[in-house]
């Protein structure tokens, strides 16, 4: 039995810098081109009826990049939000961000919060940007929160289960990703949604993010629909539950 259309797609948008360097251009040029690719992918996901789309836009590790590059990335984020949020409202897309947003520059953080508030009533595609995000930090923060609740007598340690733990994560409003796409040929998840991807299907492509088009998204989805998702069960067990 093949999988249906993925309800939640997560994308690691990788390869901007290398794309530019291969063309003899500065890495910043690749980020600018990559930023321009986001709109097409959002539109295509919306057109196809995908319910949730999460884009890994900036990791906590990315803060270690050269200051000039980080500055440009923050500027691109601000410009994108200013330019695109009217489009999000028009298309009934809800925007949210996850990660350690307190590390963002104040003006960028303000635009993120404003965009979340403006689109909060939208009921279509749920678009999430992972910004200053770390899967390990997210898990540690959840553990700390549960430890505080246990110390305050709000719950017993033995009552903690997967459902309760998941409620403490940044992604509490999202289902676990059905499909992860990573561009640029790298085959790792780079500290992205570590808890949530226990049974996510992975799709790796050599295409760099600035070259990733709507047709590439459809190819990834087509690969997903031809897979059988067993979640640790056998095919016969899955068929018996249908």
Protein backbone atom coordinates (compact mmCIF):
# COMPACT_ATOMS: atom_id res chain seq x y z
CA UNK A 1 0.00 0.00 0.00
CA UNK A 2 1.44 3.35 -1.01
CA UNK A 3 1.41 6.44 1.18
CA UNK A 4 -1.00 9.22 0.35
CA UNK A 5 -0.11 12.87 0.02
CA UNK A 6 2.14 13.96 2.91
CA UNK A 7 0.31 16.22 5.32
CA UNK A 8 3.48 17.78 6.73
CA UNK A 9 6.62 18.40 4.69
CA UNK A 10 9.84 19.67 6.29
CA UNK A 11 12.64 21.03 4.12
CA UNK A 12 16.31 21.65 4.87
CA UNK A 13 17.09 24.37 2.34
CA UNK A 14 20.75 23.61 1.77
CA UNK A 15 23.39 24.59 -0.77
CA UNK A 16 23.03 28.35 -1.24
CA UNK A 17 26.70 29.11 -0.52
CA UNK A 18 28.11 26.29 -2.63
CA UNK A 19 25.73 27.18 -5.47
CA UNK A 20 27.18 30.70 -5.54
CA UNK A 21 30.81 29.59 -5.16
CA UNK A 22 30.49 27.24 -8.13
CA UNK A 23 29.52 30.28 -10.17
CA UNK A 24 32.38 32.39 -8.90
CA UNK A 25 30.06 34.55 -6.84
CA UNK A 26 30.10 35.39 -3.11
CA UNK A 27 28.06 33.14 -0.80
CA UNK A 28 25.67 36.01 -0.12
CA UNK A 29 24.55 35.88 -3.76
CA UNK A 30 23.44 32.30 -3.22
CA UNK A 31 21.41 33.26 -0.18
CA UNK A 32 19.64 35.97 -2.16
CA UNK A 33 18.78 33.50 -4.92
CA UNK A 34 17.71 30.90 -2.37
CA UNK A 35 15.44 33.37 -0.63
CA UNK A 36 13.70 33.97 -3.94
CA UNK A 37 12.98 30.26 -4.27
CA UNK A 38 10.88 30.12 -1.10
CA UNK A 39 7.79 31.73 -2.62
CA UNK A 40 7.53 29.19 -5.45
CA UNK A 41 7.76 26.24 -3.08
CA UNK A 42 5.19 27.68 -0.68
CA UNK A 43 2.80 28.33 -3.55
CA UNK A 44 3.24 24.83 -4.92
CA UNK A 45 2.75 23.20 -1.52
CA UNK A 46 -0.39 25.27 -1.08
CA UNK A 47 -1.66 24.37 -4.55
CA UNK A 48 -1.08 20.67 -3.92
CA UNK A 49 -3.05 20.75 -0.69
CA UNK A 50 -0.18 20.17 1.74
CA UNK A 51 -1.42 21.00 5.23
CA UNK A 52 1.87 21.95 6.90
CA UNK A 53 5.23 23.10 5.52
CA UNK A 54 8.24 23.68 7.77
CA UNK A 55 11.39 25.33 6.41
CA UNK A 56 14.73 25.09 8.23
CA UNK A 57 15.78 28.69 7.64
CA UNK A 58 18.48 29.30 10.26
CA UNK A 59 20.03 26.97 12.83
CA UNK A 60 21.70 27.83 16.12
CA UNK A 61 24.95 26.64 14.54
CA UNK A 62 24.53 29.25 11.79
CA UNK A 63 25.29 31.98 14.34
CA UNK A 64 28.91 30.81 14.05
CA UNK A 65 29.17 31.89 10.42
CA UNK A 66 31.01 35.10 9.45
CA UNK A 67 29.30 38.17 10.87
CA UNK A 68 28.72 39.69 7.43
CA UNK A 69 26.95 36.55 6.23
CA UNK A 70 24.74 36.36 9.33
CA UNK A 71 23.86 40.04 8.94
CA UNK A 72 22.76 39.48 5.34
CA UNK A 73 20.69 36.45 6.33
CA UNK A 74 18.86 38.50 8.96
CA UNK A 75 18.28 41.28 6.42
CA UNK A 76 16.89 38.76 3.94
CA UNK A 77 14.55 37.40 6.59
CA UNK A 78 13.21 40.87 7.33
CA UNK A 79 12.79 41.76 3.65
CA UNK A 80 11.04 38.45 2.97
CA UNK A 81 8.55 38.96 5.78
CA UNK A 82 7.79 42.52 4.74
CA UNK A 83 7.41 41.53 1.09
CA UNK A 84 5.54 38.25 1.48
CA UNK A 85 3.19 38.53 4.41
CA UNK A 86 0.52 40.22 2.30
CA UNK A 87 0.74 37.21 -0.01
CA UNK A 88 0.37 34.89 2.99
CA UNK A 89 -2.77 36.69 4.12
CA UNK A 90 -4.20 36.62 0.59
CA UNK A 91 -3.61 32.87 0.32
CA UNK A 92 -5.02 32.14 3.79
CA UNK A 93 -1.61 30.83 4.95
CA UNK A 94 -0.78 30.83 8.64
CA UNK A 95 2.79 31.75 9.53
CA UNK A 96 4.63 30.77 12.70
CA UNK A 97 8.24 30.49 13.81
CA UNK A 98 9.97 28.03 16.14
CA UNK A 99 13.39 28.18 17.75
CA UNK A 100 15.24 30.48 20.12
CA UNK A 101 13.75 33.65 18.70
CA UNK A 102 15.21 35.78 21.49
CA UNK A 103 18.57 35.55 19.73
CA UNK A 104 17.20 37.27 16.62
CA UNK A 105 17.87 41.00 16.19
CA UNK A 106 15.05 42.98 17.79
CA UNK A 107 13.69 44.31 14.47
CA UNK A 108 13.66 40.84 12.92
CA UNK A 109 11.98 39.35 15.99
CA UNK A 110 9.33 42.09 15.86
CA UNK A 111 8.53 41.31 12.23
CA UNK A 112 8.30 37.59 13.00
CA UNK A 113 5.83 38.22 15.83
CA UNK A 114 3.80 40.67 13.74
CA UNK A 115 3.58 38.15 10.90
CA UNK A 116 2.40 35.46 13.31
CA UNK A 117 -0.28 37.75 14.72
CA UNK A 118 -1.48 38.97 11.32
CA UNK A 119 -1.92 35.44 10.00
CA UNK A 120 -3.14 33.81 13.23
CA UNK A 121 -6.72 33.53 11.95
CA UNK A 122 -5.78 31.92 8.64
CA UNK A 123 -6.98 28.36 8.13
CA UNK A 124 -5.03 27.17 5.09
CA UNK A 125 -1.45 25.95 4.78
CA UNK A 126 0.50 26.20 8.05
CA UNK A 127 3.92 27.62 7.19
CA UNK A 128 6.61 27.36 9.87
CA UNK A 129 10.08 28.87 9.78
CA UNK A 130 12.68 27.21 12.04
CA UNK A 131 14.83 30.18 13.10
CA UNK A 132 17.78 30.01 15.48
CA UNK A 133 16.60 26.44 15.91
CA UNK A 134 18.30 23.43 17.47
CA UNK A 135 16.66 20.05 17.84
CA UNK A 136 18.87 19.15 20.80
CA UNK A 137 18.18 22.46 22.57
CA UNK A 138 14.46 21.96 22.01
CA UNK A 139 14.62 18.53 23.70
CA UNK A 140 16.71 19.88 26.59
CA UNK A 141 14.29 22.78 27.11
CA UNK A 142 11.37 20.35 27.16
CA UNK A 143 13.15 18.19 29.74
CA UNK A 144 13.85 21.25 31.91
CA UNK A 145 10.21 22.31 31.72
CA UNK A 146 9.00 18.87 32.77
CA UNK A 147 11.56 18.78 35.60
CA UNK A 148 10.25 22.12 36.92
CA UNK A 149 6.66 20.87 36.72
CA UNK A 150 7.62 17.71 38.61
CA UNK A 151 9.43 19.74 41.30
CA UNK A 152 6.34 21.95 41.65
CA UNK A 153 4.15 18.89 42.12
CA UNK A 154 2.24 19.39 38.87
CA UNK A 155 3.01 15.85 37.65
CA UNK A 156 4.82 12.72 38.73
CA UNK A 157 8.00 11.70 36.85
CA UNK A 158 6.52 8.26 36.16
CA UNK A 159 3.57 9.90 34.43
CA UNK A 160 5.76 11.43 31.73
CA UNK A 161 5.20 9.74 28.38
CA UNK A 162 5.73 10.58 24.71
CA UNK A 163 2.51 12.57 24.47
CA UNK A 164 3.27 14.70 27.52
CA UNK A 165 6.86 15.25 26.36
CA UNK A 166 5.70 16.31 22.88
CA UNK A 167 3.43 18.92 24.45
CA UNK A 168 6.54 20.73 25.74
CA UNK A 169 8.19 21.05 22.32
CA UNK A 170 8.16 24.08 20.03
CA UNK A 171 6.19 21.99 17.53
CA UNK A 172 3.25 21.31 19.84
CA UNK A 173 0.88 22.77 17.23
CA UNK A 174 2.30 20.62 14.41
CA UNK A 175 2.02 16.97 13.50
CA UNK A 176 5.30 15.09 13.03
CA UNK A 177 6.72 15.54 9.50
CA UNK A 178 5.68 12.88 7.04
CA UNK A 179 8.42 13.82 4.58
CA UNK A 180 11.80 15.51 5.00
CA UNK A 181 13.46 16.96 1.92
CA UNK A 182 17.11 18.01 1.98
CA UNK A 183 18.68 19.70 -1.01
CA UNK A 184 22.34 19.91 -2.13
CA UNK A 185 23.30 16.23 -1.85
CA UNK A 186 24.04 16.17 1.87
CA UNK A 187 22.45 13.21 3.64
CA UNK A 188 21.96 14.17 7.29
CA UNK A 189 19.34 16.01 9.30
CA UNK A 190 21.68 18.51 10.97
CA UNK A 191 20.01 18.89 14.37
CA UNK A 192 16.57 19.45 12.83
CA UNK A 193 13.43 18.18 14.57
CA UNK A 194 15.24 15.21 16.12
CA UNK A 195 12.32 14.06 18.27
CA UNK A 196 9.70 14.62 15.60
CA UNK A 197 11.41 12.65 12.80
CA UNK A 198 11.35 9.20 14.40
CA UNK A 199 9.30 7.83 11.48
CA UNK A 200 9.66 10.56 8.86
CA UNK A 201 10.44 9.50 5.29
CA UNK A 202 13.65 11.11 3.97
CA UNK A 203 14.24 12.40 0.45
CA UNK A 204 17.71 13.64 -0.51
CA UNK A 205 18.41 15.40 -3.79
CA UNK A 206 21.64 16.73 -5.34
CA UNK A 207 19.75 19.82 -6.50
CA UNK A 208 20.95 22.94 -4.70
CA UNK A 209 18.25 25.01 -3.03
CA UNK A 210 18.49 27.96 -5.50
CA UNK A 211 17.69 25.46 -8.28
CA UNK A 212 14.91 23.64 -6.38
CA UNK A 213 11.68 24.30 -8.26
CA UNK A 214 8.06 23.26 -8.03
CA UNK A 215 8.80 20.26 -10.24
CA UNK A 216 11.46 19.11 -7.76
CA UNK A 217 8.95 19.31 -4.94
CA UNK A 218 6.52 17.18 -6.93
CA UNK A 219 9.25 14.60 -7.58
CA UNK A 220 9.92 14.35 -3.86
CA UNK A 221 6.24 13.94 -3.11
CA UNK A 222 5.91 11.31 -5.85
CA UNK A 223 8.73 9.34 -4.24
CA UNK A 224 6.94 9.57 -0.91
CA UNK A 225 3.60 8.37 -2.27
CA UNK A 226 5.24 5.22 -3.66
CA UNK A 227 6.61 4.20 -0.25
CA UNK A 228 4.98 2.02 2.36
CA UNK A 229 5.08 3.56 5.82
CA UNK A 230 5.11 0.78 8.43
CA UNK A 231 5.99 2.66 11.66
CA UNK A 232 7.81 -0.43 12.97
CA UNK A 233 5.04 -2.83 11.96
CA UNK A 234 4.95 -5.42 9.19
CA UNK A 235 2.95 -4.89 5.99
CA UNK A 236 0.40 -7.52 7.05
CA UNK A 237 -0.07 -5.83 10.44
CA UNK A 238 -0.72 -2.48 8.77
CA UNK A 239 -3.24 -4.00 6.38
CA UNK A 240 -5.03 -5.62 9.33
CA UNK A 241 -5.54 -2.23 10.97
CA UNK A 242 -7.08 -0.64 7.88
